[in-house]
N, C-alpha and C. Protein backbone atom coordinates (compact mmCIF):
# COMPACT_ATOMS: atom_id res chain seq x y z
N MET A 1 65.08 120.81 8.42
CA MET A 1 63.78 119.53 7.87
C MET A 1 62.83 120.33 9.18
N THR A 2 61.66 120.50 8.52
CA THR A 2 60.36 120.51 9.30
C THR A 2 59.67 119.53 9.58
N THR A 3 58.61 119.76 10.87
CA THR A 3 57.89 118.85 11.32
C THR A 3 56.68 119.36 11.01
N VAL A 4 55.66 118.52 10.45
CA VAL A 4 54.20 118.67 10.69
C VAL A 4 53.59 117.92 11.05
N ASN A 5 52.41 118.70 11.55
CA ASN A 5 51.68 117.89 12.39
C ASN A 5 50.22 117.95 11.72
N LEU A 6 49.52 116.77 11.60
CA LEU A 6 48.05 116.97 10.94
C LEU A 6 47.05 116.33 11.68
N GLN A 7 45.90 116.56 11.48
CA GLN A 7 44.57 116.15 12.29
C GLN A 7 44.02 115.37 10.88
N ILE A 8 44.40 113.82 11.32
CA ILE A 8 43.52 113.05 10.31
C ILE A 8 42.22 112.58 11.24
N SER A 9 41.06 112.32 10.23
CA SER A 9 39.95 111.64 10.66
C SER A 9 40.44 110.16 11.15
N ASP A 10 39.66 109.75 12.30
CA ASP A 10 39.57 108.36 12.76
C ASP A 10 39.28 107.69 11.72
N ASP A 11 38.58 107.72 10.95
CA ASP A 11 37.82 106.89 9.79
C ASP A 11 38.71 106.56 8.75
N ILE A 12 39.64 107.44 8.58
CA ILE A 12 40.88 107.17 7.62
C ILE A 12 41.65 106.36 8.28
N ILE A 13 42.12 106.81 9.48
CA ILE A 13 43.29 105.85 10.10
C ILE A 13 42.74 104.28 10.33
N LYS A 14 41.40 104.20 10.88
CA LYS A 14 40.94 103.16 11.40
C LYS A 14 40.97 102.11 9.56
N ALA A 15 40.52 103.21 8.29
CA ALA A 15 40.60 102.27 7.44
C ALA A 15 41.62 101.82 6.73
N TYR A 16 42.42 102.75 6.68
CA TYR A 16 44.21 102.42 6.49
C TYR A 16 45.03 102.03 7.11
N GLY A 17 45.17 102.66 8.29
CA GLY A 17 46.02 102.44 9.43
C GLY A 17 47.03 103.50 9.29
N LEU A 18 47.60 103.76 10.59
CA LEU A 18 48.54 105.05 10.60
C LEU A 18 49.61 104.81 9.87
N GLU A 19 50.38 103.36 9.87
CA GLU A 19 51.73 103.29 8.99
C GLU A 19 51.23 103.80 7.66
N ALA A 20 50.38 102.91 6.95
CA ALA A 20 50.21 103.27 5.45
C ALA A 20 49.65 104.57 5.39
N ILE A 21 49.26 105.24 5.81
CA ILE A 21 49.13 106.74 5.73
C ILE A 21 50.20 107.65 5.86
N GLN A 22 51.21 107.53 7.10
CA GLN A 22 52.36 107.66 6.82
C GLN A 22 53.37 107.29 5.48
N LYS A 23 53.48 105.92 5.45
CA LYS A 23 54.15 105.90 3.83
C LYS A 23 53.65 106.32 2.76
N ARG A 24 52.30 106.32 2.50
CA ARG A 24 51.87 107.13 1.49
C ARG A 24 52.29 108.70 1.76
N LEU A 25 52.30 109.38 2.55
CA LEU A 25 52.63 110.83 2.44
C LEU A 25 53.84 110.95 2.26
N MET A 26 54.77 110.30 3.09
CA MET A 26 56.11 110.38 2.89
C MET A 26 56.36 109.76 0.89
N ARG A 27 56.18 108.97 0.43
CA ARG A 27 56.20 108.65 -1.04
C ARG A 27 55.66 109.93 -1.73
N PHE A 28 54.67 110.90 -1.49
CA PHE A 28 54.05 111.87 -1.88
C PHE A 28 55.11 112.89 -1.76
N LEU A 29 55.64 113.16 -0.76
CA LEU A 29 56.55 114.22 -0.07
C LEU A 29 58.21 113.72 -1.06
N GLU A 30 58.31 112.62 -1.34
CA GLU A 30 59.57 112.27 -1.92
C GLU A 30 59.22 112.37 -3.30
N TRP A 31 58.34 112.42 -3.97
CA TRP A 31 57.73 112.50 -5.39
C TRP A 31 57.79 113.97 -5.69
N GLU A 32 57.46 114.65 -4.85
CA GLU A 32 57.47 116.29 -4.98
C GLU A 32 58.61 116.65 -5.02
N ARG A 33 59.83 115.92 -3.99
CA ARG A 33 61.32 116.64 -3.96
C ARG A 33 61.88 115.91 -5.54
N LEU A 34 61.42 115.25 -6.27
CA LEU A 34 62.01 114.70 -7.67
C LEU A 34 61.46 115.73 -8.41
N VAL A 35 59.97 115.84 -8.62
CA VAL A 35 59.44 116.99 -9.41
C VAL A 35 60.02 118.46 -9.32
N LEU A 36 60.21 118.91 -8.18
CA LEU A 36 61.36 120.19 -7.81
C LEU A 36 62.59 120.06 -8.47
N SER A 37 63.64 118.90 -8.23
CA SER A 37 64.60 118.76 -8.94
C SER A 37 64.78 118.62 -10.43
N ALA A 38 63.55 118.01 -10.76
CA ALA A 38 63.39 117.82 -12.36
C ALA A 38 63.08 119.22 -12.74
N LYS A 39 62.48 120.22 -12.24
CA LYS A 39 62.50 121.57 -12.80
C LYS A 39 63.13 122.38 -13.01
N LYS A 40 64.61 122.29 -11.44
CA LYS A 40 65.32 122.84 -11.38
C LYS A 40 66.76 122.49 -12.98
N ILE A 41 66.62 121.23 -12.79
CA ILE A 41 67.37 120.66 -14.12
C ILE A 41 66.89 121.32 -15.26
N GLN A 42 65.83 121.05 -15.41
CA GLN A 42 65.06 121.50 -16.90
C GLN A 42 65.22 123.06 -16.99
N SER A 43 65.12 123.91 -15.93
CA SER A 43 65.42 125.50 -15.95
C SER A 43 67.16 125.60 -16.83
N ALA A 44 67.89 124.71 -16.00
CA ALA A 44 69.16 124.97 -15.73
C ALA A 44 69.90 124.67 -17.75
N VAL A 45 69.21 123.11 -17.72
CA VAL A 45 69.35 123.09 -19.10
C VAL A 45 68.84 124.37 -19.91
N ASN A 46 67.44 124.77 -20.25
CA ASN A 46 67.31 125.82 -20.73
C ASN A 46 68.06 127.10 -21.16
N GLU A 47 68.64 127.62 -19.66
CA GLU A 47 69.38 128.73 -19.68
C GLU A 47 70.83 128.41 -20.38
N ALA A 48 71.38 127.08 -20.11
CA ALA A 48 72.39 126.66 -21.03
C ALA A 48 72.48 126.72 -22.29
N GLY A 49 71.20 126.75 -22.58
CA GLY A 49 70.72 126.80 -24.13
C GLY A 49 71.10 125.15 -24.85
N ILE A 50 70.97 124.30 -24.12
CA ILE A 50 71.21 122.61 -24.33
C ILE A 50 70.06 122.35 -24.93
N ASP A 51 70.25 121.40 -26.08
CA ASP A 51 68.66 121.05 -27.05
C ASP A 51 68.87 119.80 -26.27
N ASN A 52 67.34 119.90 -25.29
CA ASN A 52 66.95 118.94 -24.59
C ASN A 52 66.61 117.46 -24.99
N ASP A 53 66.40 117.52 -26.48
CA ASP A 53 65.68 116.90 -27.39
C ASP A 53 67.12 115.64 -27.45
N GLU A 54 68.02 116.51 -27.97
CA GLU A 54 69.36 115.80 -28.32
C GLU A 54 69.82 115.31 -27.17
N LEU A 55 69.81 115.69 -25.89
CA LEU A 55 70.19 115.25 -24.64
C LEU A 55 69.67 114.10 -24.50
N TRP A 56 68.13 113.83 -24.56
CA TRP A 56 67.40 112.81 -24.31
C TRP A 56 67.83 111.51 -25.34
N ARG A 57 67.88 111.82 -26.68
CA ARG A 57 68.61 110.86 -27.75
C ARG A 57 69.46 110.26 -27.29
N GLU A 58 70.87 110.94 -27.08
CA GLU A 58 72.00 109.88 -26.23
C GLU A 58 71.90 109.67 -25.38
N ALA A 59 71.45 109.99 -24.39
CA ALA A 59 70.99 109.27 -22.97
C ALA A 59 70.31 107.98 -23.51
N ARG A 60 69.28 107.80 -24.14
CA ARG A 60 68.58 106.99 -24.61
C ARG A 60 69.59 105.83 -25.21
N GLN A 61 70.27 106.32 -26.10
CA GLN A 61 71.46 105.69 -26.94
C GLN A 61 72.18 104.76 -25.84
N LYS A 62 72.88 105.81 -25.02
CA LYS A 62 74.03 104.91 -24.08
C LYS A 62 73.23 104.04 -23.47
N ALA A 63 71.92 104.33 -22.79
CA ALA A 63 71.27 103.24 -21.94
C ALA A 63 70.80 102.05 -22.52
N TRP A 64 70.66 102.04 -23.98
CA TRP A 64 70.40 100.70 -24.79
C TRP A 64 71.81 100.08 -25.19
N ASP A 65 72.71 100.67 -25.24
CA ASP A 65 73.92 100.10 -25.53
C ASP A 65 74.57 99.55 -24.20
N ASN A 66 74.62 100.39 -23.28
CA ASN A 66 75.06 99.73 -22.15
C ASN A 66 73.85 98.52 -21.67
N PHE A 67 72.79 98.38 -22.01
CA PHE A 67 71.74 97.27 -21.96
C PHE A 67 71.99 96.11 -22.83
N LYS A 68 72.38 96.40 -23.75
CA LYS A 68 72.83 95.21 -24.87
C LYS A 68 74.31 94.77 -24.59
N SER A 69 75.18 95.39 -24.24
CA SER A 69 76.47 95.01 -23.50
C SER A 69 76.30 93.93 -22.56
N GLU A 70 75.66 94.51 -21.49
CA GLU A 70 75.83 93.89 -20.25
C GLU A 70 74.39 92.74 -20.36
N LYS A 71 73.52 92.69 -20.88
CA LYS A 71 72.45 91.86 -20.85
C LYS A 71 72.15 91.05 -22.13
N LEU A 72 72.66 91.63 -23.03
CA LEU A 72 72.59 90.57 -24.47
C LEU A 72 73.47 90.25 -25.26
N LYS A 73 74.59 90.59 -24.99
CA LYS A 73 75.91 89.98 -25.17
C LYS A 73 75.58 88.88 -25.83
N ASP A 74 75.16 87.77 -25.21
CA ASP A 74 74.99 86.26 -25.82
C ASP A 74 73.84 85.99 -26.46
N ILE A 75 73.02 87.07 -26.73
CA ILE A 75 72.17 86.95 -27.62
C ILE A 75 72.48 87.67 -29.16
N LEU A 76 72.57 88.90 -28.71
CA LEU A 76 72.75 89.98 -30.02
C LEU A 76 74.44 89.71 -30.47
N PRO A 77 74.44 89.96 -31.87
CA PRO A 77 75.66 90.03 -32.41
C PRO A 77 76.64 91.39 -32.02
């Protein structure tokens, strides 16, 4: 892991606070890590010749079935 030192305007620090800026930057970097992971997964799926739409349909159906069995078992037949 690399440490990055940034120069940030005092006005911005006064307006938002150092901790809030640090949290925002960390969330942004976490999001970018997720984007990179998603791109790698998509690339691997494409290279494997897997139908991405079918994968999503199956995952959505499994998630719905799981939700119904756990959360709606007393409501739905």
